[in-house]
Amino acid sequence: MFDDRSPIYRQIAERIKGDILSGALAEDSQVMSTNEYAATYRINPATAAKGLRELLDEGILYKRRGIGMFVSPDARAKLREAHRSRFFTDVVDPMISEARTIGIPLDDVVGHIKAAETGENQ
């Protein structure tokens, strides 16, 4: 369920973000409560609360007093924009570096990407 690469509260927050990006959690849909997360994943409620607090602070979730926490109406757009801005530095730049290291011409990389776009790689 959880790994040792990052704190559990961060993994909870990242999982919720992933569910929002994939559409599994729609905007204005209710997320599990702190106690539900704690019970489901058998973690300390304070750990679950910290993950949810992080999402509240980022504006990804909002609270309805006495009801619970919900996905913000613009959460998916915020998350997509954040991922787009990191995409080139986190994914493309390392890929280019790796291609150069192992001697793959960038034209071959671009050709492979274009073929994937048209479905020729499958």
N, C-alpha and C. Protein backbone atom coordinates (compact mmCIF):
# COMPACT_ATOMS: atom_id res chain seq x y z
N MET A 1 0.82 -1.18 0.00
CA MET A 1 0.00 0.00 0.00
C MET A 1 0.87 1.26 0.00
N PHE A 2 1.67 1.41 1.04
CA PHE A 2 2.57 2.56 1.12
C PHE A 2 4.01 2.06 1.01
N ASP A 3 4.86 2.93 0.49
CA ASP A 3 6.27 2.56 0.40
C ASP A 3 7.10 3.48 1.30
N ASP A 4 8.39 3.26 1.31
CA ASP A 4 9.26 4.03 2.20
C ASP A 4 9.90 5.23 1.52
N ARG A 5 9.51 5.51 0.27
CA ARG A 5 10.16 6.59 -0.47
C ARG A 5 9.75 7.98 0.00
N SER A 6 8.56 8.11 0.56
CA SER A 6 8.11 9.41 1.05
C SER A 6 7.18 9.19 2.24
N PRO A 7 6.94 10.22 3.03
CA PRO A 7 6.06 10.06 4.18
C PRO A 7 4.65 9.63 3.76
N ILE A 8 3.99 8.88 4.63
CA ILE A 8 2.66 8.35 4.32
C ILE A 8 1.67 9.47 4.04
N TYR A 9 1.75 10.57 4.78
CA TYR A 9 0.79 11.64 4.54
C TYR A 9 0.93 12.20 3.12
N ARG A 10 2.17 12.24 2.62
CA ARG A 10 2.39 12.71 1.25
C ARG A 10 1.82 11.71 0.24
N GLN A 11 1.97 10.43 0.53
CA GLN A 11 1.45 9.41 -0.37
C GLN A 11 -0.07 9.46 -0.43
N ILE A 12 -0.70 9.76 0.70
CA ILE A 12 -2.16 9.91 0.71
C ILE A 12 -2.54 11.10 -0.16
N ALA A 13 -1.85 12.21 0.03
CA ALA A 13 -2.15 13.41 -0.77
C ALA A 13 -1.93 13.14 -2.25
N GLU A 14 -0.83 12.45 -2.59
CA GLU A 14 -0.54 12.17 -3.99
C GLU A 14 -1.58 11.22 -4.59
N ARG A 15 -2.05 10.27 -3.79
CA ARG A 15 -3.06 9.34 -4.28
C ARG A 15 -4.38 10.08 -4.59
N ILE A 16 -4.74 10.98 -3.72
CA ILE A 16 -5.97 11.77 -3.95
C ILE A 16 -5.79 12.63 -5.20
N LYS A 17 -4.62 13.24 -5.33
CA LYS A 17 -4.36 14.04 -6.53
C LYS A 17 -4.46 13.18 -7.79
N GLY A 18 -3.90 11.99 -7.73
CA GLY A 18 -3.98 11.08 -8.87
C GLY A 18 -5.42 10.71 -9.20
N ASP A 19 -6.22 10.49 -8.17
CA ASP A 19 -7.64 10.18 -8.40
C ASP A 19 -8.38 11.36 -9.01
N ILE A 20 -8.00 12.56 -8.64
CA ILE A 20 -8.64 13.75 -9.22
C ILE A 20 -8.21 13.89 -10.69
N LEU A 21 -6.92 13.71 -10.96
CA LEU A 21 -6.43 13.83 -12.33
C LEU A 21 -7.05 12.78 -13.25
N SER A 22 -7.22 11.56 -12.73
CA SER A 22 -7.77 10.49 -13.57
C SER A 22 -9.28 10.59 -13.73
N GLY A 23 -9.90 11.41 -12.89
CA GLY A 23 -11.35 11.54 -12.95
C GLY A 23 -12.08 10.61 -11.98
N ALA A 24 -11.33 9.79 -11.24
CA ALA A 24 -11.96 8.90 -10.26
C ALA A 24 -12.65 9.71 -9.16
N LEU A 25 -12.08 10.87 -8.85
CA LEU A 25 -12.72 11.80 -7.91
C LEU A 25 -13.11 13.04 -8.70
N ALA A 26 -14.39 13.26 -8.82
CA ALA A 26 -14.89 14.40 -9.58
C ALA A 26 -14.88 15.66 -8.73
N GLU A 27 -14.92 16.78 -9.39
CA GLU A 27 -15.00 18.05 -8.68
C GLU A 27 -16.29 18.10 -7.86
N ASP A 28 -16.20 18.65 -6.68
CA ASP A 28 -17.29 18.74 -5.72
C ASP A 28 -17.71 17.39 -5.14
N SER A 29 -16.96 16.34 -5.42
CA SER A 29 -17.28 15.06 -4.78
C SER A 29 -16.61 15.01 -3.41
N GLN A 30 -17.23 14.28 -2.51
CA GLN A 30 -16.73 14.19 -1.14
C GLN A 30 -15.61 13.16 -1.07
N VAL A 31 -14.57 13.49 -0.32
CA VAL A 31 -13.48 12.54 -0.09
C VAL A 31 -13.71 11.88 1.28
N MET A 32 -13.02 10.77 1.50
CA MET A 32 -13.16 10.09 2.78
C MET A 32 -12.71 11.02 3.90
N SER A 33 -13.25 10.81 5.06
CA SER A 33 -12.86 11.60 6.22
C SER A 33 -11.50 11.13 6.73
N THR A 34 -10.94 11.93 7.61
CA THR A 34 -9.67 11.56 8.24
C THR A 34 -9.77 10.19 8.90
N ASN A 35 -10.85 9.98 9.64
CA ASN A 35 -11.02 8.70 10.34
C ASN A 35 -11.23 7.54 9.36
N GLU A 36 -11.91 7.79 8.25
CA GLU A 36 -12.08 6.74 7.25
C GLU A 36 -10.75 6.36 6.62
N TYR A 37 -9.93 7.38 6.30
CA TYR A 37 -8.59 7.08 5.77
C TYR A 37 -7.78 6.28 6.78
N ALA A 38 -7.84 6.72 8.03
CA ALA A 38 -7.07 6.05 9.08
C ALA A 38 -7.51 4.59 9.22
N ALA A 39 -8.81 4.36 9.21
CA ALA A 39 -9.33 2.99 9.35
C ALA A 39 -9.03 2.15 8.12
N THR A 40 -9.23 2.73 6.94
CA THR A 40 -9.03 1.99 5.69
C THR A 40 -7.57 1.56 5.53
N TYR A 41 -6.66 2.49 5.81
CA TYR A 41 -5.23 2.20 5.58
C TYR A 41 -4.48 1.83 6.85
N ARG A 42 -5.22 1.75 7.95
CA ARG A 42 -4.62 1.36 9.23
C ARG A 42 -3.42 2.24 9.58
N ILE A 43 -3.69 3.53 9.58
CA ILE A 43 -2.66 4.51 9.92
C ILE A 43 -3.19 5.40 11.03
N ASN A 44 -2.31 6.17 11.60
CA ASN A 44 -2.69 7.11 12.64
C ASN A 44 -3.58 8.20 12.03
N PRO A 45 -4.69 8.54 12.68
CA PRO A 45 -5.55 9.61 12.13
C PRO A 45 -4.80 10.93 11.93
N ALA A 46 -3.80 11.21 12.75
CA ALA A 46 -3.02 12.44 12.58
C ALA A 46 -2.26 12.44 11.26
N THR A 47 -1.82 11.26 10.84
CA THR A 47 -1.11 11.14 9.55
C THR A 47 -2.07 11.42 8.40
N ALA A 48 -3.25 10.83 8.46
CA ALA A 48 -4.25 11.07 7.42
C ALA A 48 -4.65 12.54 7.40
N ALA A 49 -4.82 13.12 8.60
CA ALA A 49 -5.21 14.53 8.69
C ALA A 49 -4.15 15.44 8.07
N LYS A 50 -2.89 15.08 8.25
CA LYS A 50 -1.81 15.90 7.69
C LYS A 50 -1.85 15.89 6.15
N GLY A 51 -2.12 14.73 5.57
CA GLY A 51 -2.24 14.64 4.11
C GLY A 51 -3.41 15.46 3.59
N LEU A 52 -4.53 15.36 4.27
CA LEU A 52 -5.71 16.12 3.85
C LEU A 52 -5.50 17.62 4.07
N ARG A 53 -4.82 17.98 5.15
CA ARG A 53 -4.53 19.39 5.44
C ARG A 53 -3.68 20.00 4.31
N GLU A 54 -2.74 19.21 3.84
CA GLU A 54 -1.88 19.68 2.75
C GLU A 54 -2.73 20.02 1.51
N LEU A 55 -3.71 19.17 1.22
CA LEU A 55 -4.57 19.41 0.06
C LEU A 55 -5.50 20.60 0.29
N LEU A 56 -5.93 20.78 1.53
CA LEU A 56 -6.73 21.97 1.86
C LEU A 56 -5.90 23.23 1.66
N ASP A 57 -4.66 23.20 2.13
CA ASP A 57 -3.78 24.36 2.01
C ASP A 57 -3.48 24.70 0.55
N GLU A 58 -3.43 23.68 -0.30
CA GLU A 58 -3.16 23.89 -1.73
C GLU A 58 -4.42 24.30 -2.50
N GLY A 59 -5.56 24.25 -1.85
CA GLY A 59 -6.80 24.59 -2.53
C GLY A 59 -7.35 23.46 -3.38
N ILE A 60 -6.82 22.26 -3.19
CA ILE A 60 -7.30 21.10 -3.95
C ILE A 60 -8.60 20.59 -3.34
N LEU A 61 -8.71 20.69 -2.02
CA LEU A 61 -9.93 20.30 -1.31
C LEU A 61 -10.49 21.52 -0.59
N TYR A 62 -11.76 21.46 -0.26
CA TYR A 62 -12.36 22.47 0.60
C TYR A 62 -13.28 21.78 1.60
N LYS A 63 -13.55 22.48 2.70
CA LYS A 63 -14.37 21.91 3.76
C LYS A 63 -15.77 22.48 3.72
N ARG A 64 -16.72 21.63 4.04
CA ARG A 64 -18.08 22.08 4.32
C ARG A 64 -18.31 21.75 5.78
N ARG A 65 -18.47 22.78 6.55
CA ARG A 65 -18.58 22.62 8.00
C ARG A 65 -19.63 21.58 8.38
N GLY A 66 -19.19 20.62 9.17
CA GLY A 66 -20.09 19.59 9.67
C GLY A 66 -20.42 18.50 8.68
N ILE A 67 -19.93 18.62 7.45
CA ILE A 67 -20.24 17.61 6.43
C ILE A 67 -19.00 16.83 6.03
N GLY A 68 -17.91 17.55 5.73
CA GLY A 68 -16.69 16.87 5.32
C GLY A 68 -15.88 17.67 4.34
N MET A 69 -14.98 16.99 3.64
CA MET A 69 -14.11 17.64 2.67
C MET A 69 -14.49 17.20 1.26
N PHE A 70 -14.34 18.15 0.34
CA PHE A 70 -14.76 17.93 -1.04
C PHE A 70 -13.66 18.40 -2.00
N VAL A 71 -13.73 17.87 -3.20
CA VAL A 71 -12.77 18.28 -4.24
C VAL A 71 -13.17 19.66 -4.76
N SER A 72 -12.21 20.56 -4.79
CA SER A 72 -12.47 21.93 -5.26
C SER A 72 -12.89 21.91 -6.73
N PRO A 73 -13.75 22.85 -7.10
CA PRO A 73 -14.23 22.88 -8.49
C PRO A 73 -13.11 23.03 -9.53
N ASP A 74 -12.01 23.68 -9.15
CA ASP A 74 -10.92 23.87 -10.11
C ASP A 74 -9.70 22.99 -9.81
N ALA A 75 -9.89 21.96 -8.99
CA ALA A 75 -8.76 21.13 -8.57
C ALA A 75 -8.08 20.44 -9.74
N ARG A 76 -8.85 19.88 -10.64
CA ARG A 76 -8.24 19.15 -11.76
C ARG A 76 -7.43 20.09 -12.64
N ALA A 77 -7.95 21.26 -12.91
CA ALA A 77 -7.22 22.24 -13.73
C ALA A 77 -5.93 22.67 -13.03
N LYS A 78 -5.99 22.90 -11.72
CA LYS A 78 -4.78 23.26 -10.96
C LYS A 78 -3.74 22.17 -11.04
N LEU A 79 -4.17 20.93 -10.85
CA LEU A 79 -3.23 19.81 -10.85
C LEU A 79 -2.64 19.60 -12.24
N ARG A 80 -3.46 19.70 -13.26
CA ARG A 80 -2.94 19.54 -14.62
C ARG A 80 -1.91 20.60 -14.94
N GLU A 81 -2.16 21.84 -14.55
CA GLU A 81 -1.22 22.92 -14.80
C GLU A 81 0.09 22.68 -14.05
N ALA A 82 -0.01 22.24 -12.82
CA ALA A 82 1.20 21.97 -12.04
C ALA A 82 2.01 20.84 -12.67
N HIS A 83 1.34 19.80 -13.14
CA HIS A 83 2.04 18.68 -13.76
C HIS A 83 2.64 19.08 -15.10
N ARG A 84 1.92 19.91 -15.85
CA ARG A 84 2.46 20.36 -17.14
C ARG A 84 3.74 21.16 -16.95
N SER A 85 3.75 22.02 -15.93
CA SER A 85 4.92 22.88 -15.75
C SER A 85 6.15 22.05 -15.35
N ARG A 86 5.92 20.91 -14.72
CA ARG A 86 7.04 20.05 -14.31
C ARG A 86 7.39 19.00 -15.34
N PHE A 87 6.53 18.79 -16.32
CA PHE A 87 6.71 17.69 -17.26
C PHE A 87 8.06 17.73 -17.98
N PHE A 88 8.43 18.88 -18.51
CA PHE A 88 9.67 18.96 -19.29
C PHE A 88 10.90 18.78 -18.41
N THR A 89 10.89 19.35 -17.22
CA THR A 89 12.06 19.20 -16.35
C THR A 89 12.12 17.82 -15.71
N ASP A 90 10.98 17.24 -15.40
CA ASP A 90 10.98 15.94 -14.71
C ASP A 90 11.01 14.75 -15.67
N VAL A 91 10.49 14.92 -16.88
CA VAL A 91 10.37 13.78 -17.79
C VAL A 91 11.21 13.96 -19.06
N VAL A 92 11.00 15.05 -19.77
CA VAL A 92 11.63 15.20 -21.08
C VAL A 92 13.14 15.43 -20.96
N ASP A 93 13.56 16.33 -20.10
CA ASP A 93 15.00 16.62 -19.98
C ASP A 93 15.80 15.38 -19.57
N PRO A 94 15.35 14.60 -18.57
CA PRO A 94 16.08 13.37 -18.25
C PRO A 94 16.08 12.37 -19.40
N MET A 95 14.98 12.31 -20.17
CA MET A 95 14.92 11.39 -21.31
C MET A 95 15.95 11.79 -22.36
N ILE A 96 16.06 13.08 -22.64
CA ILE A 96 17.03 13.56 -23.62
C ILE A 96 18.45 13.25 -23.14
N SER A 97 18.69 13.48 -21.88
CA SER A 97 20.00 13.19 -21.31
C SER A 97 20.34 11.70 -21.43
N GLU A 98 19.37 10.86 -21.11
CA GLU A 98 19.58 9.41 -21.21
C GLU A 98 19.81 8.99 -22.66
N ALA A 99 19.04 9.54 -23.58
CA ALA A 99 19.21 9.21 -24.99
C ALA A 99 20.62 9.58 -25.45
N ARG A 100 21.08 10.75 -25.05
CA ARG A 100 22.44 11.17 -25.43
C ARG A 100 23.49 10.25 -24.81
N THR A 101 23.26 9.87 -23.57
CA THR A 101 24.22 9.00 -22.87
C THR A 101 24.38 7.66 -23.56
N ILE A 102 23.27 7.12 -24.04
CA ILE A 102 23.35 5.79 -24.66
C ILE A 102 23.41 5.85 -26.18
N GLY A 103 23.56 7.07 -26.71
CA GLY A 103 23.81 7.22 -28.14
C GLY A 103 22.61 7.13 -29.05
N ILE A 104 21.45 7.46 -28.56
CA ILE A 104 20.26 7.48 -29.43
C ILE A 104 20.11 8.90 -29.97
N PRO A 105 20.13 9.08 -31.29
CA PRO A 105 19.95 10.42 -31.85
C PRO A 105 18.58 10.99 -31.47
N LEU A 106 18.54 12.30 -31.20
CA LEU A 106 17.27 12.93 -30.83
C LEU A 106 16.23 12.81 -31.94
N ASP A 107 16.67 12.75 -33.19
CA ASP A 107 15.71 12.54 -34.29
C ASP A 107 14.99 11.20 -34.13
N ASP A 108 15.70 10.18 -33.65
CA ASP A 108 15.06 8.88 -33.41
C ASP A 108 14.03 8.98 -32.28
N VAL A 109 14.37 9.75 -31.26
CA VAL A 109 13.43 9.94 -30.13
C VAL A 109 12.18 10.65 -30.63
N VAL A 110 12.38 11.71 -31.38
CA VAL A 110 11.24 12.47 -31.92
C VAL A 110 10.41 11.58 -32.84
N GLY A 111 11.08 10.79 -33.69
CA GLY A 111 10.36 9.89 -34.58
C GLY A 111 9.54 8.87 -33.81
N HIS A 112 10.09 8.39 -32.72
CA HIS A 112 9.37 7.42 -31.89
C HIS A 112 8.13 8.06 -31.26
N ILE A 113 8.29 9.29 -30.80
CA ILE A 113 7.15 10.01 -30.20
C ILE A 113 6.06 10.26 -31.24
N LYS A 114 6.48 10.67 -32.42
CA LYS A 114 5.49 10.92 -33.49
C LYS A 114 4.79 9.63 -33.89
N ALA A 115 5.53 8.53 -33.93
CA ALA A 115 4.91 7.24 -34.27
C ALA A 115 3.91 6.83 -33.19
N ALA A 116 4.22 7.14 -31.94
CA ALA A 116 3.28 6.83 -30.85
C ALA A 116 2.01 7.64 -30.99
N GLU A 117 2.16 8.87 -31.44
CA GLU A 117 0.99 9.74 -31.62
C GLU A 117 0.04 9.18 -32.67
N THR A 118 0.60 8.57 -33.70
CA THR A 118 -0.24 8.03 -34.78
C THR A 118 -0.59 6.56 -34.56
N GLY A 119 -0.02 5.97 -33.50
CA GLY A 119 -0.32 4.57 -33.20
C GLY A 119 0.56 3.59 -33.93
N GLU A 120 1.62 4.07 -34.60
CA GLU A 120 2.51 3.18 -35.36
C GLU A 120 3.40 2.33 -34.46
N ASN A 121 3.59 2.73 -33.21
CA ASN A 121 4.45 1.96 -32.29
C ASN A 121 3.75 0.75 -31.71
N GLN A 122 2.47 0.66 -31.89
CA GLN A 122 1.73 -0.42 -31.22
C GLN A 122 1.58 -1.62 -32.09
